[in-house]
Every structure is written in structure tokens, then in C-alpha cells.
Amino acid sequence: MSQFSAEGLSGWEEIVFAQKTDYRILDEEDVSALCASSRSSASGWLKRVNVNLDEYPFLHWQWKVEKVIQSGDETTREGDDYAARVYVIVDGGLFFWRTKALNFVWASNKEKGSIWANAFAGQSAIMTALRNNREDSTGVWQTEKVDLRTAFKKHFGGDFNRINAVAIMSDTDNTESVAESCYGDIFFSSE
């Protein structure tokens, strides 16, 4: 889906919510990565895709956090900030209320494996803490593999067979803090 080493941000569109987070393609330990530096900012990058989950149900990526967010209750609007997050979106089209998103986050205070509704989007966007500040080391690449078909069914019911967009975001606007992170290549697979 996206190899930052070969493609940079080709095909991605920037989405700005507050001040822009600074994103740059950097070589990090032999990995070409999209690195983010967020200072009281909230912006991300979105790539529109058309992925058949019957054929490619697994999403893979690497990420690392260099500077964590120290405070904030992620379940509230005031604490809805993450040093790193990966969104996977099913577009509801004209029926915007049918749009669903899974957010896989590097949490500040939530336990690893915690699941909650997004403070702004409610049950339309489900947050999952794959990593957190207490259990995962900063500055170390972490590799993720998520079964999206199973995750969408678990959190939203029904059978979702298409992914329409993937996004990454590092934001600190609500906590007015600083965070730094990097995202490696992102791709879908059959297993």
C-alpha cells in the first residue's frame, strides 16, 4: 500500500485539524520512515484505497515513538491525543453516518489492549491501544499485524469486505504537549 522508501507521500493527502504536525521522510535505522513531530498540533496523512478484505484481511506496519505524551485521559476530548495512530476507514459514502473507523494507537495512559469509543466521533470510531508508554520502550521499532476483517466485525457487527482509506496521525493539540514518532511501510496481506 505504501512504501515510504520508494514512494514518499505520493498518493497521500494531508488532513489538518489544528496546527500542522511536521512530517518528514527520514532514514531511521535502515528503515525509510514517515517521521512526525507534533507540538500542540493535529494533522495527519490519508491515503484512499480500495482493499478487498476477503483477499487481504491483514494490515501490517512498523512504528516507534521517540517522545511520548505524558498526560491526558484518552477517553475525553481534552486527552484525545496520540504520539502515533493508524486509522483504517470504511467510507459510508452519501450515508456519512455509516462511515466507520478503527484507530490503532500508541496510548499514554490506557492499558495495552484497551478499547474505547473516540471522544469526538463516538461509536463510529473505535480506539484500540496496541502499545502504551508504560509497557513499550521508546525509540524501538514495533511491528504490528492486525486482522481487519475480524476487528471490524467485532467492533461494528456485520460483514465489512472493503477498506476505503488508511491514515496516520500524530497529534498533541488537546493536551498542548509534544510528541515524536515514526511510521514504517504500511501494507495489506492475505496472511
N, C-alpha and C. Protein backbone atom coordinates (compact mmCIF):
# COMPACT_ATOMS: atom_id res chain seq x y z
N MET A 1 0.82 -1.19 0.00
CA MET A 1 0.00 0.00 0.00
C MET A 1 0.86 1.25 0.00
N SER A 2 1.82 1.30 0.92
CA SER A 2 2.69 2.48 0.92
C SER A 2 4.08 2.10 1.40
N GLN A 3 5.04 2.32 0.52
CA GLN A 3 6.43 2.15 0.88
C GLN A 3 7.05 3.54 0.86
N PHE A 4 7.23 4.10 2.04
CA PHE A 4 7.75 5.46 2.12
C PHE A 4 9.13 5.55 1.48
N SER A 5 9.89 4.43 1.51
CA SER A 5 11.23 4.42 0.93
C SER A 5 11.18 4.65 -0.58
N ALA A 6 10.20 4.09 -1.26
CA ALA A 6 10.12 4.19 -2.72
C ALA A 6 9.20 5.30 -3.19
N GLU A 7 8.12 5.55 -2.45
CA GLU A 7 7.06 6.44 -2.93
C GLU A 7 6.97 7.77 -2.19
N GLY A 8 7.61 7.90 -1.06
CA GLY A 8 7.42 9.10 -0.25
C GLY A 8 5.95 9.22 0.13
N LEU A 9 5.37 10.38 -0.06
CA LEU A 9 3.96 10.61 0.27
C LEU A 9 3.08 10.66 -0.98
N SER A 10 3.56 10.11 -2.07
CA SER A 10 2.78 10.07 -3.31
C SER A 10 1.47 9.32 -3.07
N GLY A 11 0.36 9.95 -3.43
CA GLY A 11 -0.95 9.33 -3.24
C GLY A 11 -1.59 9.62 -1.90
N TRP A 12 -0.87 10.26 -1.00
CA TRP A 12 -1.40 10.61 0.32
C TRP A 12 -1.87 12.06 0.29
N GLU A 13 -2.89 12.38 1.07
CA GLU A 13 -3.34 13.77 1.19
C GLU A 13 -3.28 14.20 2.65
N GLU A 14 -2.80 15.41 2.86
CA GLU A 14 -2.68 15.93 4.22
C GLU A 14 -4.03 16.41 4.72
N ILE A 15 -4.35 16.05 5.96
CA ILE A 15 -5.57 16.47 6.63
C ILE A 15 -5.14 17.27 7.87
N VAL A 16 -5.57 18.53 7.95
CA VAL A 16 -5.17 19.39 9.07
C VAL A 16 -6.38 19.71 9.93
N PHE A 17 -6.27 19.44 11.23
CA PHE A 17 -7.34 19.74 12.19
C PHE A 17 -7.03 20.99 12.99
N ALA A 18 -5.79 21.16 13.37
CA ALA A 18 -5.32 22.34 14.10
C ALA A 18 -4.01 22.73 13.41
N GLN A 19 -3.03 23.21 14.13
CA GLN A 19 -1.74 23.49 13.50
C GLN A 19 -1.18 22.21 12.90
N LYS A 20 -0.34 22.36 11.89
CA LYS A 20 0.25 21.20 11.22
C LYS A 20 1.32 20.54 12.07
N THR A 21 1.22 19.22 12.17
CA THR A 21 2.31 18.41 12.69
C THR A 21 3.37 18.37 11.60
N ASP A 22 4.64 18.41 11.97
CA ASP A 22 5.73 18.37 11.00
C ASP A 22 6.01 16.91 10.64
N TYR A 23 5.83 16.55 9.37
CA TYR A 23 6.09 15.19 8.88
C TYR A 23 7.23 15.25 7.87
N ARG A 24 8.16 14.30 7.97
CA ARG A 24 9.29 14.21 7.04
C ARG A 24 9.64 12.75 6.79
N ILE A 25 10.08 12.46 5.57
CA ILE A 25 10.61 11.13 5.26
C ILE A 25 12.07 11.13 5.70
N LEU A 26 12.41 10.20 6.59
CA LEU A 26 13.77 10.09 7.12
C LEU A 26 14.22 8.64 7.07
N ASP A 27 15.53 8.43 7.04
CA ASP A 27 16.08 7.09 7.19
C ASP A 27 16.35 6.87 8.66
N GLU A 28 15.64 5.90 9.23
CA GLU A 28 15.74 5.59 10.66
C GLU A 28 16.17 4.13 10.82
N GLU A 29 17.43 3.90 11.18
CA GLU A 29 17.93 2.55 11.40
C GLU A 29 17.64 1.65 10.21
N ASP A 30 18.04 2.06 9.02
CA ASP A 30 17.85 1.32 7.77
C ASP A 30 16.39 1.17 7.37
N VAL A 31 15.51 1.98 7.93
CA VAL A 31 14.10 1.99 7.55
C VAL A 31 13.76 3.39 7.06
N SER A 32 13.26 3.49 5.82
CA SER A 32 12.75 4.79 5.36
C SER A 32 11.38 4.96 5.98
N ALA A 33 11.22 6.02 6.74
CA ALA A 33 10.01 6.17 7.55
C ALA A 33 9.45 7.58 7.42
N LEU A 34 8.15 7.67 7.67
CA LEU A 34 7.49 8.97 7.79
C LEU A 34 7.55 9.34 9.27
N CYS A 35 8.32 10.36 9.60
CA CYS A 35 8.51 10.74 11.00
C CYS A 35 7.74 12.02 11.30
N ALA A 36 7.15 12.05 12.49
CA ALA A 36 6.27 13.15 12.89
C ALA A 36 6.81 13.83 14.14
N SER A 37 6.69 15.14 14.15
CA SER A 37 7.00 15.94 15.34
C SER A 37 5.80 16.84 15.58
N SER A 38 5.08 16.56 16.66
CA SER A 38 3.85 17.28 16.96
C SER A 38 4.05 18.18 18.18
N ARG A 39 3.74 19.46 18.00
CA ARG A 39 3.85 20.44 19.09
C ARG A 39 2.54 21.21 19.15
N SER A 40 1.65 20.77 20.03
CA SER A 40 0.31 21.36 20.15
C SER A 40 -0.36 21.43 18.78
N SER A 41 -0.20 20.38 18.00
CA SER A 41 -0.71 20.36 16.62
C SER A 41 -1.54 19.10 16.38
N ALA A 42 -2.27 19.12 15.27
CA ALA A 42 -3.09 17.96 14.90
C ALA A 42 -3.27 17.92 13.39
N SER A 43 -2.46 17.11 12.74
CA SER A 43 -2.64 16.86 11.31
C SER A 43 -2.15 15.46 11.01
N GLY A 44 -2.58 14.94 9.89
CA GLY A 44 -2.20 13.59 9.51
C GLY A 44 -2.21 13.44 8.01
N TRP A 45 -1.98 12.24 7.57
CA TRP A 45 -1.96 11.92 6.14
C TRP A 45 -2.91 10.77 5.88
N LEU A 46 -3.70 10.90 4.81
CA LEU A 46 -4.71 9.91 4.45
C LEU A 46 -4.45 9.41 3.03
N LYS A 47 -4.58 8.10 2.86
CA LYS A 47 -4.45 7.50 1.53
C LYS A 47 -5.72 6.73 1.22
N ARG A 48 -6.37 7.12 0.13
CA ARG A 48 -7.58 6.42 -0.31
C ARG A 48 -7.16 5.12 -0.99
N VAL A 49 -7.81 4.04 -0.61
CA VAL A 49 -7.51 2.72 -1.15
C VAL A 49 -8.82 2.00 -1.43
N ASN A 50 -8.74 0.89 -2.09
CA ASN A 50 -9.89 0.02 -2.30
C ASN A 50 -9.39 -1.40 -2.09
N VAL A 51 -9.37 -1.83 -0.83
CA VAL A 51 -8.80 -3.12 -0.47
C VAL A 51 -9.91 -4.10 -0.14
N ASN A 52 -9.88 -5.24 -0.80
CA ASN A 52 -10.85 -6.30 -0.57
C ASN A 52 -10.38 -7.13 0.63
N LEU A 53 -11.13 -7.08 1.71
CA LEU A 53 -10.75 -7.82 2.93
C LEU A 53 -10.92 -9.32 2.79
N ASP A 54 -11.69 -9.76 1.79
CA ASP A 54 -11.77 -11.21 1.54
C ASP A 54 -10.42 -11.73 1.04
N GLU A 55 -9.71 -10.90 0.29
CA GLU A 55 -8.41 -11.29 -0.25
C GLU A 55 -7.25 -10.86 0.64
N TYR A 56 -7.35 -9.68 1.23
CA TYR A 56 -6.25 -9.10 2.01
C TYR A 56 -6.74 -8.58 3.36
N PRO A 57 -7.02 -9.48 4.30
CA PRO A 57 -7.61 -9.05 5.58
C PRO A 57 -6.62 -8.48 6.59
N PHE A 58 -5.32 -8.65 6.36
CA PHE A 58 -4.32 -8.25 7.36
C PHE A 58 -3.63 -6.95 6.98
N LEU A 59 -3.52 -6.06 7.97
CA LEU A 59 -2.76 -4.82 7.81
C LEU A 59 -1.49 -4.94 8.64
N HIS A 60 -0.36 -4.57 8.02
CA HIS A 60 0.95 -4.63 8.67
C HIS A 60 1.57 -3.23 8.66
N TRP A 61 2.30 -2.93 9.72
CA TRP A 61 3.11 -1.71 9.74
C TRP A 61 4.11 -1.79 10.88
N GLN A 62 5.09 -0.89 10.81
CA GLN A 62 6.03 -0.69 11.90
C GLN A 62 5.88 0.74 12.37
N TRP A 63 6.14 0.94 13.66
CA TRP A 63 6.14 2.30 14.20
C TRP A 63 7.02 2.35 15.43
N LYS A 64 7.44 3.54 15.76
CA LYS A 64 8.15 3.75 17.02
C LYS A 64 7.84 5.15 17.50
N VAL A 65 7.88 5.30 18.80
CA VAL A 65 7.66 6.60 19.41
C VAL A 65 8.96 7.01 20.08
N GLU A 66 9.39 8.23 19.78
CA GLU A 66 10.62 8.78 20.37
C GLU A 66 10.31 9.61 21.60
N LYS A 67 9.23 10.38 21.53
CA LYS A 67 8.83 11.25 22.65
C LYS A 67 7.35 11.03 22.89
N VAL A 68 7.01 10.59 24.11
CA VAL A 68 5.63 10.22 24.44
C VAL A 68 4.85 11.40 25.02
N ILE A 69 3.54 11.26 24.97
CA ILE A 69 2.65 12.21 25.64
C ILE A 69 2.51 11.72 27.08
N GLN A 70 2.79 12.59 28.03
CA GLN A 70 2.82 12.17 29.43
C GLN A 70 1.47 12.20 30.13
N SER A 71 0.57 13.04 29.68
CA SER A 71 -0.67 13.20 30.44
C SER A 71 -1.87 13.14 29.51
N GLY A 72 -3.04 13.13 30.14
CA GLY A 72 -4.28 13.16 29.37
C GLY A 72 -5.05 11.86 29.49
N ASP A 73 -6.35 11.99 29.62
CA ASP A 73 -7.25 10.85 29.62
C ASP A 73 -7.77 10.69 28.20
N GLU A 74 -7.31 9.65 27.52
CA GLU A 74 -7.63 9.46 26.11
C GLU A 74 -9.12 9.31 25.83
N THR A 75 -9.90 9.03 26.83
CA THR A 75 -11.35 8.86 26.61
C THR A 75 -12.10 10.18 26.59
N THR A 76 -11.40 11.29 26.89
CA THR A 76 -12.03 12.62 26.90
C THR A 76 -11.52 13.45 25.73
N ARG A 77 -12.27 14.49 25.39
CA ARG A 77 -11.83 15.39 24.31
C ARG A 77 -10.53 16.10 24.68
N GLU A 78 -10.36 16.42 25.95
CA GLU A 78 -9.15 17.12 26.41
C GLU A 78 -7.91 16.23 26.31
N GLY A 79 -8.09 14.92 26.33
CA GLY A 79 -6.96 13.99 26.32
C GLY A 79 -6.84 13.17 25.05
N ASP A 80 -7.64 13.49 24.03
CA ASP A 80 -7.67 12.71 22.79
C ASP A 80 -6.48 13.06 21.90
N ASP A 81 -5.28 12.72 22.36
CA ASP A 81 -4.03 12.94 21.62
C ASP A 81 -3.20 11.66 21.67
N TYR A 82 -2.45 11.42 20.59
CA TYR A 82 -1.65 10.20 20.49
C TYR A 82 -0.35 10.50 19.78
N ALA A 83 0.74 9.99 20.34
CA ALA A 83 2.04 10.15 19.69
C ALA A 83 2.04 9.47 18.32
N ALA A 84 1.29 8.37 18.21
CA ALA A 84 1.18 7.66 16.93
C ALA A 84 -0.16 6.96 16.87
N ARG A 85 -0.78 7.04 15.69
CA ARG A 85 -2.02 6.28 15.46
C ARG A 85 -2.15 5.97 13.99
N VAL A 86 -2.78 4.81 13.73
CA VAL A 86 -3.07 4.36 12.37
C VAL A 86 -4.58 4.15 12.30
N TYR A 87 -5.23 4.84 11.36
CA TYR A 87 -6.67 4.71 11.13
C TYR A 87 -6.91 3.78 9.95
N VAL A 88 -7.98 3.01 10.03
CA VAL A 88 -8.47 2.25 8.88
C VAL A 88 -9.94 2.60 8.75
N ILE A 89 -10.35 3.02 7.54
CA ILE A 89 -11.67 3.64 7.37
C ILE A 89 -12.50 2.91 6.32
N VAL A 90 -13.77 2.68 6.68
CA VAL A 90 -14.78 2.21 5.74
C VAL A 90 -15.70 3.39 5.50
N ASP A 91 -15.74 3.88 4.27
CA ASP A 91 -16.49 5.08 3.92
C ASP A 91 -17.97 4.76 3.73
N GLY A 92 -18.82 5.51 4.39
CA GLY A 92 -20.27 5.34 4.26
C GLY A 92 -20.85 6.06 3.06
N GLY A 93 -20.00 6.74 2.27
CA GLY A 93 -20.46 7.45 1.08
C GLY A 93 -21.44 8.56 1.44
N LEU A 94 -22.54 8.64 0.71
CA LEU A 94 -23.55 9.66 0.98
C LEU A 94 -24.16 9.49 2.37
N PHE A 95 -24.11 8.28 2.89
CA PHE A 95 -24.65 7.99 4.22
C PHE A 95 -23.51 8.11 5.24
N PHE A 96 -23.07 9.35 5.47
CA PHE A 96 -21.89 9.60 6.30
C PHE A 96 -21.96 8.92 7.66
N TRP A 97 -23.15 8.73 8.18
CA TRP A 97 -23.29 8.10 9.49
C TRP A 97 -22.91 6.62 9.44
N ARG A 98 -22.75 6.08 8.24
CA ARG A 98 -22.31 4.69 8.10
C ARG A 98 -20.79 4.56 8.04
N THR A 99 -20.08 5.68 7.97
CA THR A 99 -18.62 5.64 7.96
C THR A 99 -18.14 5.09 9.30
N LYS A 100 -17.20 4.15 9.23
CA LYS A 100 -16.64 3.52 10.43
C LYS A 100 -15.12 3.58 10.36
N ALA A 101 -14.50 3.73 11.52
CA ALA A 101 -13.04 3.77 11.56
C ALA A 101 -12.52 3.00 12.77
N LEU A 102 -11.47 2.26 12.54
CA LEU A 102 -10.71 1.65 13.62
C LEU A 102 -9.43 2.47 13.76
N ASN A 103 -9.09 2.83 14.98
CA ASN A 103 -7.88 3.60 15.29
C ASN A 103 -6.99 2.74 16.17
N PHE A 104 -5.81 2.42 15.68
CA PHE A 104 -4.84 1.66 16.46
C PHE A 104 -3.82 2.67 16.97
N VAL A 105 -3.72 2.78 18.30
CA VAL A 105 -2.97 3.88 18.89
C VAL A 105 -1.85 3.43 19.81
N TRP A 106 -0.87 4.32 19.96
CA TRP A 106 0.15 4.21 21.00
C TRP A 106 -0.37 5.09 22.12
N ALA A 107 -0.91 4.48 23.14
CA ALA A 107 -1.61 5.20 24.21
C ALA A 107 -0.65 5.76 25.25
N SER A 108 -1.11 6.81 25.91
CA SER A 108 -0.35 7.40 27.00
C SER A 108 -0.65 6.70 28.31
N ASN A 109 -1.94 6.56 28.61
CA ASN A 109 -2.34 6.07 29.92
C ASN A 109 -3.23 4.83 29.90
N LYS A 110 -3.81 4.50 28.77
CA LYS A 110 -4.67 3.32 28.69
C LYS A 110 -3.82 2.06 28.66
N GLU A 111 -4.35 1.00 29.26
CA GLU A 111 -3.66 -0.29 29.24
C GLU A 111 -3.60 -0.84 27.82
N LYS A 112 -2.54 -1.58 27.52
CA LYS A 112 -2.44 -2.25 26.24
C LYS A 112 -3.63 -3.19 26.08
N GLY A 113 -4.28 -3.15 24.93
CA GLY A 113 -5.46 -3.97 24.69
C GLY A 113 -6.77 -3.27 25.02
N SER A 114 -6.70 -2.09 25.64
CA SER A 114 -7.92 -1.34 25.96
C SER A 114 -8.62 -0.90 24.68
N ILE A 115 -9.95 -0.85 24.75
CA ILE A 115 -10.78 -0.44 23.62
C ILE A 115 -11.80 0.57 24.13
N TRP A 116 -11.99 1.67 23.38
CA TRP A 116 -12.96 2.69 23.79
C TRP A 116 -13.43 3.46 22.56
N ALA A 117 -14.55 4.14 22.70
CA ALA A 117 -15.08 4.98 21.61
C ALA A 117 -14.29 6.28 21.57
N ASN A 118 -14.08 6.80 20.38
CA ASN A 118 -13.38 8.07 20.21
C ASN A 118 -14.16 9.20 20.87
N ALA A 119 -13.44 10.09 21.54
CA ALA A 119 -14.07 11.19 22.29
C ALA A 119 -14.84 12.15 21.39
N PHE A 120 -14.47 12.27 20.14
CA PHE A 120 -15.14 13.19 19.22
C PHE A 120 -16.15 12.49 18.32
N ALA A 121 -15.84 11.29 17.85
CA ALA A 121 -16.69 10.59 16.88
C ALA A 121 -17.58 9.53 17.49
N GLY A 122 -17.43 9.26 18.78
CA GLY A 122 -18.27 8.27 19.44
C GLY A 122 -18.06 6.87 18.89
N GLN A 123 -19.14 6.10 18.78
CA GLN A 123 -19.06 4.70 18.37
C GLN A 123 -18.71 4.51 16.90
N SER A 124 -18.62 5.58 16.13
CA SER A 124 -18.23 5.46 14.72
C SER A 124 -16.73 5.24 14.56
N ALA A 125 -15.97 5.57 15.59
CA ALA A 125 -14.51 5.40 15.56
C ALA A 125 -14.09 4.72 16.86
N ILE A 126 -13.62 3.50 16.73
CA ILE A 126 -13.20 2.72 17.89
C ILE A 126 -11.69 2.77 18.03
N MET A 127 -11.24 3.08 19.24
CA MET A 127 -9.82 3.19 19.55
C MET A 127 -9.34 1.89 20.19
N THR A 128 -8.16 1.43 19.79
CA THR A 128 -7.55 0.25 20.38
C THR A 128 -6.10 0.58 20.73
N ALA A 129 -5.73 0.39 21.98
CA ALA A 129 -4.35 0.63 22.42
C ALA A 129 -3.51 -0.60 22.11
N LEU A 130 -2.74 -0.55 21.03
CA LEU A 130 -1.83 -1.66 20.72
C LEU A 130 -0.55 -1.56 21.52
N ARG A 131 -0.14 -0.34 21.81
CA ARG A 131 1.07 -0.07 22.58
C ARG A 131 0.76 1.01 23.59
N ASN A 132 1.60 1.11 24.64
CA ASN A 132 1.44 2.21 25.58
C ASN A 132 2.78 2.62 26.18
N ASN A 133 2.78 3.77 26.82
CA ASN A 133 4.01 4.33 27.36
C ASN A 133 4.63 3.49 28.47
N ARG A 134 3.81 2.79 29.24
CA ARG A 134 4.32 2.04 30.39
C ARG A 134 4.97 0.72 29.99
N GLU A 135 4.43 0.06 28.98
CA GLU A 135 4.88 -1.29 28.65
C GLU A 135 5.82 -1.37 27.45
N ASP A 136 5.86 -0.34 26.62
CA ASP A 136 6.65 -0.40 25.40
C ASP A 136 7.73 0.67 25.40
N SER A 137 8.93 0.26 25.01
CA SER A 137 10.08 1.16 25.03
C SER A 137 10.00 2.19 23.91
N THR A 138 10.44 3.39 24.22
CA THR A 138 10.54 4.42 23.19
C THR A 138 11.80 4.17 22.37
N GLY A 139 11.79 4.67 21.15
CA GLY A 139 12.96 4.56 20.30
C GLY A 139 13.20 3.18 19.73
N VAL A 140 12.24 2.27 19.87
CA VAL A 140 12.37 0.90 19.39
C VAL A 140 11.26 0.62 18.38
N TRP A 141 11.63 0.12 17.21
CA TRP A 141 10.62 -0.23 16.21
C TRP A 141 9.74 -1.36 16.71
N GLN A 142 8.45 -1.19 16.58
CA GLN A 142 7.47 -2.23 16.93
C GLN A 142 6.75 -2.62 15.64
N THR A 143 6.53 -3.91 15.46
CA THR A 143 5.87 -4.43 14.26
C THR A 143 4.46 -4.87 14.61
N GLU A 144 3.50 -4.46 13.79
CA GLU A 144 2.09 -4.78 14.04
C GLU A 144 1.50 -5.57 12.87
N LYS A 145 0.57 -6.44 13.21
CA LYS A 145 -0.23 -7.17 12.23
C LYS A 145 -1.63 -7.28 12.81
N VAL A 146 -2.62 -6.74 12.09
CA VAL A 146 -4.00 -6.71 12.59
C VAL A 146 -4.91 -7.37 11.56
N ASP A 147 -5.77 -8.27 12.04
CA ASP A 147 -6.80 -8.90 11.21
C ASP A 147 -7.98 -7.93 11.15
N LEU A 148 -8.06 -7.14 10.10
CA LEU A 148 -9.07 -6.10 10.00
C LEU A 148 -10.48 -6.65 9.85
N ARG A 149 -10.63 -7.71 9.11
CA ARG A 149 -11.96 -8.29 8.92
C ARG A 149 -12.56 -8.68 10.27
N THR A 150 -11.77 -9.36 11.08
CA THR A 150 -12.22 -9.77 12.42
C THR A 150 -12.45 -8.56 13.31
N ALA A 151 -11.56 -7.58 13.26
CA ALA A 151 -11.69 -6.39 14.12
C ALA A 151 -12.94 -5.58 13.77
N PHE A 152 -13.21 -5.36 12.49
CA PHE A 152 -14.42 -4.62 12.10
C PHE A 152 -15.67 -5.36 12.53
N LYS A 153 -15.68 -6.68 12.35
CA LYS A 153 -16.86 -7.47 12.74
C LYS A 153 -17.07 -7.39 14.25
N LYS A 154 -16.00 -7.50 15.01
CA LYS A 154 -16.07 -7.46 16.47
C LYS A 154 -16.62 -6.12 16.97
N HIS A 155 -16.13 -5.02 16.41
CA HIS A 155 -16.48 -3.70 16.93
C HIS A 155 -17.73 -3.08 16.32
N PHE A 156 -18.06 -3.47 15.09
CA PHE A 156 -19.19 -2.84 14.42
C PHE A 156 -20.28 -3.82 13.99
N GLY A 157 -20.04 -5.12 14.15
CA GLY A 157 -21.02 -6.11 13.70
C GLY A 157 -21.06 -6.13 12.18
N GLY A 158 -21.81 -7.03 11.64
CA GLY A 158 -21.92 -7.10 10.18
C GLY A 158 -20.65 -7.59 9.53
N ASP A 159 -20.67 -7.59 8.21
CA ASP A 159 -19.55 -8.09 7.44
C ASP A 159 -18.99 -6.97 6.57
N PHE A 160 -17.83 -6.49 6.91
CA PHE A 160 -17.17 -5.44 6.14
C PHE A 160 -16.17 -6.10 5.20
N ASN A 161 -16.29 -5.84 3.91
CA ASN A 161 -15.37 -6.50 2.99
C ASN A 161 -14.48 -5.54 2.20
N ARG A 162 -14.59 -4.23 2.45
CA ARG A 162 -13.75 -3.26 1.74
C ARG A 162 -13.22 -2.21 2.71
N ILE A 163 -11.97 -1.85 2.52
CA ILE A 163 -11.36 -0.72 3.22
C ILE A 163 -11.21 0.40 2.20
N ASN A 164 -11.61 1.61 2.58
CA ASN A 164 -11.59 2.73 1.65
C ASN A 164 -10.47 3.74 1.89
N ALA A 165 -9.87 3.71 3.08
CA ALA A 165 -8.77 4.64 3.36
C ALA A 165 -7.97 4.16 4.56
N VAL A 166 -6.71 4.57 4.56
CA VAL A 166 -5.82 4.37 5.70
C VAL A 166 -5.22 5.74 6.00
N ALA A 167 -5.05 6.04 7.28
CA ALA A 167 -4.46 7.33 7.66
C ALA A 167 -3.50 7.13 8.81
N ILE A 168 -2.55 8.03 8.91
CA ILE A 168 -1.66 8.08 10.08
C ILE A 168 -1.78 9.47 10.66
N MET A 169 -1.58 9.55 11.97
CA MET A 169 -1.68 10.86 12.61
C MET A 169 -0.93 10.86 13.93
N SER A 170 -0.20 11.92 14.16
CA SER A 170 0.43 12.20 15.45
C SER A 170 -0.09 13.56 15.87
N ASP A 171 -0.76 13.61 17.03
CA ASP A 171 -1.40 14.88 17.41
C ASP A 171 -1.28 15.14 18.90
N THR A 172 -1.16 16.42 19.22
CA THR A 172 -0.98 16.86 20.61
C THR A 172 -1.73 18.16 20.88
N ASP A 173 -2.74 18.46 20.08
CA ASP A 173 -3.43 19.75 20.20
C ASP A 173 -4.26 19.86 21.46
N ASN A 174 -4.89 18.79 21.88
CA ASN A 174 -5.78 18.86 23.06
C ASN A 174 -5.01 18.93 24.37
N THR A 175 -3.90 18.20 24.46
CA THR A 175 -3.08 18.21 25.68
C THR A 175 -2.02 19.31 25.65
N GLU A 176 -1.90 19.99 24.51
CA GLU A 176 -0.89 21.04 24.33
C GLU A 176 0.49 20.55 24.73
N SER A 177 0.84 19.37 24.21
CA SER A 177 2.11 18.74 24.56
C SER A 177 2.95 18.52 23.31
N VAL A 178 4.00 17.72 23.46
CA VAL A 178 4.94 17.43 22.38
C VAL A 178 5.07 15.92 22.24
N ALA A 179 5.11 15.43 21.00
CA ALA A 179 5.33 14.01 20.75
C ALA A 179 6.11 13.85 19.46
N GLU A 180 6.90 12.77 19.40
CA GLU A 180 7.65 12.46 18.19
C GLU A 180 7.55 10.97 17.92
N SER A 181 7.34 10.62 16.64
CA SER A 181 7.17 9.22 16.27
C SER A 181 7.54 9.02 14.82
N CYS A 182 7.67 7.74 14.42
CA CYS A 182 7.94 7.39 13.02
C CYS A 182 7.07 6.21 12.63
N TYR A 183 6.68 6.21 11.36
CA TYR A 183 5.87 5.13 10.77
C TYR A 183 6.66 4.51 9.63
N GLY A 184 6.79 3.18 9.66
CA GLY A 184 7.43 2.46 8.56
C GLY A 184 6.40 2.12 7.49
N ASP A 185 6.80 1.28 6.54
CA ASP A 185 5.91 0.90 5.45
C ASP A 185 4.63 0.27 5.98
N ILE A 186 3.54 0.52 5.26
CA ILE A 186 2.21 0.03 5.62
C ILE A 186 1.72 -0.81 4.45
N PHE A 187 1.26 -2.05 4.73
CA PHE A 187 0.78 -2.88 3.63
C PHE A 187 -0.27 -3.88 4.09
N PHE A 188 -1.04 -4.38 3.13
CA PHE A 188 -2.06 -5.40 3.36
C PHE A 188 -1.53 -6.74 2.86
N SER A 189 -2.02 -7.84 3.49
CA SER A 189 -1.62 -9.17 3.03
C SER A 189 -2.76 -10.16 3.21
N SER A 190 -2.60 -11.33 2.59
CA SER A 190 -3.60 -12.39 2.69
C SER A 190 -3.41 -13.23 3.94
N GLU A 191 -2.23 -13.18 4.53
CA GLU A 191 -1.99 -13.94 5.77
C GLU A 191 -0.99 -13.25 6.67
